[in-house]
Amino acid sequence: MLNICGCLVQTAPDRTASVIEALNATEGSEVHAHDKGRIVVTVEDTQTRRASDLIMDMHQIPGVIGVTLTYHHFEALEDDAPATLS
């Protein structure tokens, strides 16, 4: 399965650099742009964590004021086994 989310992370302006560092150090997240305390991030499922859990964890990074989900895409990949009904 492909599960990818786009988020806007609002930070205290003086903490933006440290928040970016924390986000980039988190498996499954990638910073794409930032300006004046706003950071654009994509978050994907990893082998061990769901994107939704990673997004919830972002709220706990010191300096983060808020996280807004702005985009969500979910689809089955070709190599995914089909679901069976019981």
N, C-alpha and C. Protein backbone atom coordinates (compact mmCIF):
# COMPACT_ATOMS: atom_id res chain seq x y z
N MET A 1 0.83 -1.18 0.00
CA MET A 1 0.00 0.00 0.00
C MET A 1 0.88 1.24 0.00
N LEU A 2 0.41 2.22 -0.70
CA LEU A 2 1.05 3.52 -0.68
C LEU A 2 0.16 4.45 0.13
N ASN A 3 0.71 5.04 1.15
CA ASN A 3 -0.01 5.99 2.00
C ASN A 3 0.90 7.18 2.19
N ILE A 4 0.55 8.31 1.58
CA ILE A 4 1.37 9.50 1.68
C ILE A 4 0.51 10.69 2.06
N CYS A 5 1.02 11.51 2.97
CA CYS A 5 0.30 12.67 3.48
C CYS A 5 1.16 13.91 3.29
N GLY A 6 0.51 15.00 2.96
CA GLY A 6 1.16 16.30 2.93
C GLY A 6 0.69 17.11 4.12
N CYS A 7 1.63 17.72 4.82
CA CYS A 7 1.29 18.47 6.03
C CYS A 7 1.93 19.85 6.02
N LEU A 8 1.27 20.78 6.68
CA LEU A 8 1.84 22.08 6.96
C LEU A 8 2.11 22.12 8.46
N VAL A 9 3.36 22.32 8.81
CA VAL A 9 3.75 22.38 10.22
C VAL A 9 4.04 23.84 10.56
N GLN A 10 3.32 24.37 11.53
CA GLN A 10 3.51 25.74 11.99
C GLN A 10 4.42 25.71 13.21
N THR A 11 5.46 26.54 13.21
CA THR A 11 6.41 26.54 14.32
C THR A 11 6.58 27.94 14.89
N ALA A 12 7.13 27.98 16.09
CA ALA A 12 7.61 29.25 16.62
C ALA A 12 8.79 29.64 15.72
N PRO A 13 8.80 30.86 15.17
CA PRO A 13 9.83 31.22 14.19
C PRO A 13 11.27 30.96 14.65
N ASP A 14 11.54 31.14 15.92
CA ASP A 14 12.90 30.92 16.40
C ASP A 14 13.23 29.44 16.57
N ARG A 15 12.26 28.55 16.39
CA ARG A 15 12.49 27.11 16.54
C ARG A 15 12.41 26.36 15.20
N THR A 16 12.19 27.08 14.11
CA THR A 16 11.99 26.44 12.81
C THR A 16 13.16 25.53 12.43
N ALA A 17 14.37 25.99 12.60
CA ALA A 17 15.54 25.19 12.21
C ALA A 17 15.61 23.88 13.00
N SER A 18 15.34 23.93 14.29
CA SER A 18 15.40 22.70 15.09
C SER A 18 14.25 21.76 14.75
N VAL A 19 13.09 22.30 14.40
CA VAL A 19 11.96 21.46 14.00
C VAL A 19 12.29 20.77 12.67
N ILE A 20 12.85 21.51 11.72
CA ILE A 20 13.25 20.93 10.44
C ILE A 20 14.24 19.79 10.66
N GLU A 21 15.20 20.01 11.54
CA GLU A 21 16.19 18.97 11.85
C GLU A 21 15.51 17.72 12.41
N ALA A 22 14.56 17.91 13.31
CA ALA A 22 13.84 16.77 13.90
C ALA A 22 13.00 16.05 12.85
N LEU A 23 12.33 16.80 11.99
CA LEU A 23 11.52 16.19 10.94
C LEU A 23 12.38 15.39 9.97
N ASN A 24 13.50 15.95 9.56
CA ASN A 24 14.39 15.25 8.63
C ASN A 24 15.02 14.02 9.25
N ALA A 25 15.12 13.99 10.56
CA ALA A 25 15.70 12.83 11.25
C ALA A 25 14.67 11.72 11.47
N THR A 26 13.42 11.99 11.14
CA THR A 26 12.35 11.02 11.34
C THR A 26 12.14 10.21 10.07
N GLU A 27 12.29 8.89 10.17
CA GLU A 27 12.05 8.03 9.02
C GLU A 27 10.61 8.18 8.57
N GLY A 28 10.41 8.37 7.28
CA GLY A 28 9.07 8.51 6.73
C GLY A 28 8.64 9.95 6.50
N SER A 29 9.41 10.91 6.97
CA SER A 29 9.06 12.31 6.73
C SER A 29 10.16 13.01 5.94
N GLU A 30 9.73 13.98 5.14
CA GLU A 30 10.68 14.74 4.33
C GLU A 30 10.21 16.18 4.22
N VAL A 31 11.10 17.11 4.54
CA VAL A 31 10.80 18.54 4.45
C VAL A 31 11.05 18.99 3.02
N HIS A 32 10.09 19.73 2.45
CA HIS A 32 10.21 20.20 1.07
C HIS A 32 10.40 21.70 0.96
N ALA A 33 9.86 22.46 1.89
CA ALA A 33 9.99 23.92 1.85
C ALA A 33 9.68 24.48 3.23
N HIS A 34 10.17 25.70 3.47
CA HIS A 34 9.82 26.38 4.71
C HIS A 34 9.95 27.88 4.52
N ASP A 35 9.13 28.62 5.27
CA ASP A 35 9.15 30.08 5.20
C ASP A 35 8.42 30.64 6.41
N LYS A 36 9.07 31.50 7.14
CA LYS A 36 8.45 32.24 8.25
C LYS A 36 7.67 31.35 9.22
N GLY A 37 8.29 30.26 9.64
CA GLY A 37 7.68 29.40 10.64
C GLY A 37 6.70 28.39 10.09
N ARG A 38 6.59 28.28 8.77
CA ARG A 38 5.73 27.29 8.14
C ARG A 38 6.60 26.31 7.37
N ILE A 39 6.35 25.02 7.55
CA ILE A 39 7.16 23.97 6.93
C ILE A 39 6.23 23.03 6.18
N VAL A 40 6.58 22.75 4.92
CA VAL A 40 5.83 21.79 4.10
C VAL A 40 6.54 20.45 4.21
N VAL A 41 5.80 19.42 4.63
CA VAL A 41 6.38 18.10 4.90
C VAL A 41 5.52 17.03 4.23
N THR A 42 6.16 16.00 3.69
CA THR A 42 5.42 14.80 3.31
C THR A 42 5.76 13.71 4.31
N VAL A 43 4.75 12.88 4.58
CA VAL A 43 4.89 11.80 5.55
C VAL A 43 4.34 10.53 4.90
N GLU A 44 5.11 9.45 4.98
CA GLU A 44 4.70 8.17 4.41
C GLU A 44 4.77 7.09 5.48
N ASP A 45 3.93 6.05 5.29
CA ASP A 45 4.05 4.87 6.15
C ASP A 45 5.46 4.32 6.03
N THR A 46 5.97 3.76 7.12
CA THR A 46 7.25 3.04 7.10
C THR A 46 6.94 1.57 7.40
N GLN A 47 7.97 0.77 7.48
CA GLN A 47 7.78 -0.64 7.80
C GLN A 47 7.21 -0.84 9.20
N THR A 48 7.50 0.11 10.10
CA THR A 48 7.11 -0.06 11.50
C THR A 48 6.09 0.96 12.02
N ARG A 49 5.86 2.03 11.27
CA ARG A 49 4.96 3.10 11.76
C ARG A 49 4.02 3.56 10.66
N ARG A 50 2.80 3.89 11.05
CA ARG A 50 1.84 4.48 10.12
C ARG A 50 2.08 5.98 10.02
N ALA A 51 1.78 6.53 8.86
CA ALA A 51 1.92 7.98 8.67
C ALA A 51 1.12 8.75 9.71
N SER A 52 -0.07 8.27 10.04
CA SER A 52 -0.91 8.96 11.02
C SER A 52 -0.22 9.05 12.39
N ASP A 53 0.49 8.00 12.77
CA ASP A 53 1.22 8.03 14.04
C ASP A 53 2.38 9.01 13.98
N LEU A 54 3.07 9.05 12.84
CA LEU A 54 4.18 9.99 12.67
C LEU A 54 3.67 11.43 12.76
N ILE A 55 2.52 11.68 12.15
CA ILE A 55 1.94 13.03 12.20
C ILE A 55 1.58 13.40 13.64
N MET A 56 1.00 12.48 14.38
CA MET A 56 0.67 12.77 15.78
C MET A 56 1.94 13.06 16.58
N ASP A 57 3.02 12.35 16.28
CA ASP A 57 4.29 12.58 16.97
C ASP A 57 4.85 13.98 16.69
N MET A 58 4.55 14.53 15.51
CA MET A 58 5.05 15.87 15.16
C MET A 58 4.57 16.92 16.16
N HIS A 59 3.39 16.72 16.70
CA HIS A 59 2.84 17.67 17.67
C HIS A 59 3.71 17.76 18.93
N GLN A 60 4.51 16.75 19.19
CA GLN A 60 5.33 16.71 20.40
C GLN A 60 6.73 17.28 20.20
N ILE A 61 7.08 17.67 18.97
CA ILE A 61 8.40 18.25 18.72
C ILE A 61 8.42 19.65 19.33
N PRO A 62 9.42 19.94 20.17
CA PRO A 62 9.50 21.28 20.77
C PRO A 62 9.55 22.36 19.69
N GLY A 63 8.69 23.36 19.84
CA GLY A 63 8.63 24.46 18.88
C GLY A 63 7.48 24.34 17.89
N VAL A 64 6.85 23.16 17.80
CA VAL A 64 5.72 22.98 16.89
C VAL A 64 4.47 23.57 17.54
N ILE A 65 3.80 24.45 16.80
CA ILE A 65 2.56 25.06 17.27
C ILE A 65 1.36 24.24 16.80
N GLY A 66 1.44 23.75 15.56
CA GLY A 66 0.33 22.97 15.02
C GLY A 66 0.74 22.23 13.76
N VAL A 67 0.00 21.17 13.45
CA VAL A 67 0.22 20.37 12.24
C VAL A 67 -1.13 20.22 11.54
N THR A 68 -1.17 20.57 10.26
CA THR A 68 -2.40 20.48 9.49
C THR A 68 -2.19 19.51 8.33
N LEU A 69 -3.07 18.53 8.23
CA LEU A 69 -3.05 17.61 7.10
C LEU A 69 -3.65 18.35 5.91
N THR A 70 -2.89 18.50 4.83
CA THR A 70 -3.37 19.25 3.66
C THR A 70 -3.61 18.36 2.45
N TYR A 71 -3.07 17.13 2.48
CA TYR A 71 -3.21 16.23 1.34
C TYR A 71 -3.07 14.80 1.83
N HIS A 72 -3.86 13.89 1.26
CA HIS A 72 -3.73 12.48 1.61
C HIS A 72 -3.98 11.64 0.37
N HIS A 73 -3.07 10.70 0.10
CA HIS A 73 -3.22 9.79 -1.04
C HIS A 73 -2.96 8.38 -0.54
N PHE A 74 -3.86 7.47 -0.88
CA PHE A 74 -3.78 6.08 -0.43
C PHE A 74 -4.17 5.20 -1.60
N GLU A 75 -3.32 4.22 -1.93
CA GLU A 75 -3.66 3.29 -3.02
C GLU A 75 -2.92 1.98 -2.85
N ALA A 76 -3.52 0.95 -3.44
CA ALA A 76 -2.87 -0.36 -3.46
C ALA A 76 -1.82 -0.34 -4.56
N LEU A 77 -0.70 -0.97 -4.31
CA LEU A 77 0.36 -1.10 -5.31
C LEU A 77 0.21 -2.42 -6.04
N GLU A 78 0.80 -2.51 -7.22
CA GLU A 78 0.68 -3.71 -8.03
C GLU A 78 1.13 -4.98 -7.30
N ASP A 79 2.17 -4.88 -6.49
CA ASP A 79 2.69 -6.07 -5.81
C ASP A 79 1.96 -6.38 -4.50
N ASP A 80 0.96 -5.58 -4.14
CA ASP A 80 0.16 -5.87 -2.95
C ASP A 80 -0.73 -7.08 -3.21
N ALA A 81 -0.80 -7.96 -2.26
CA ALA A 81 -1.68 -9.14 -2.39
C ALA A 81 -3.12 -8.67 -2.30
N PRO A 82 -4.00 -9.23 -3.12
CA PRO A 82 -5.42 -8.84 -3.05
C PRO A 82 -6.03 -9.27 -1.72
N ALA A 83 -6.95 -8.48 -1.24
CA ALA A 83 -7.64 -8.81 0.02
C ALA A 83 -8.58 -9.97 -0.22
N THR A 84 -8.69 -10.83 0.75
CA THR A 84 -9.63 -11.96 0.64
C THR A 84 -10.73 -11.74 1.65
N LEU A 85 -11.92 -12.09 1.25
CA LEU A 85 -13.06 -11.97 2.15
C LEU A 85 -13.25 -13.28 2.88
N SER A 86 -13.57 -13.22 4.16
CA SER A 86 -13.83 -14.44 4.90
C SER A 86 -15.31 -14.65 5.11
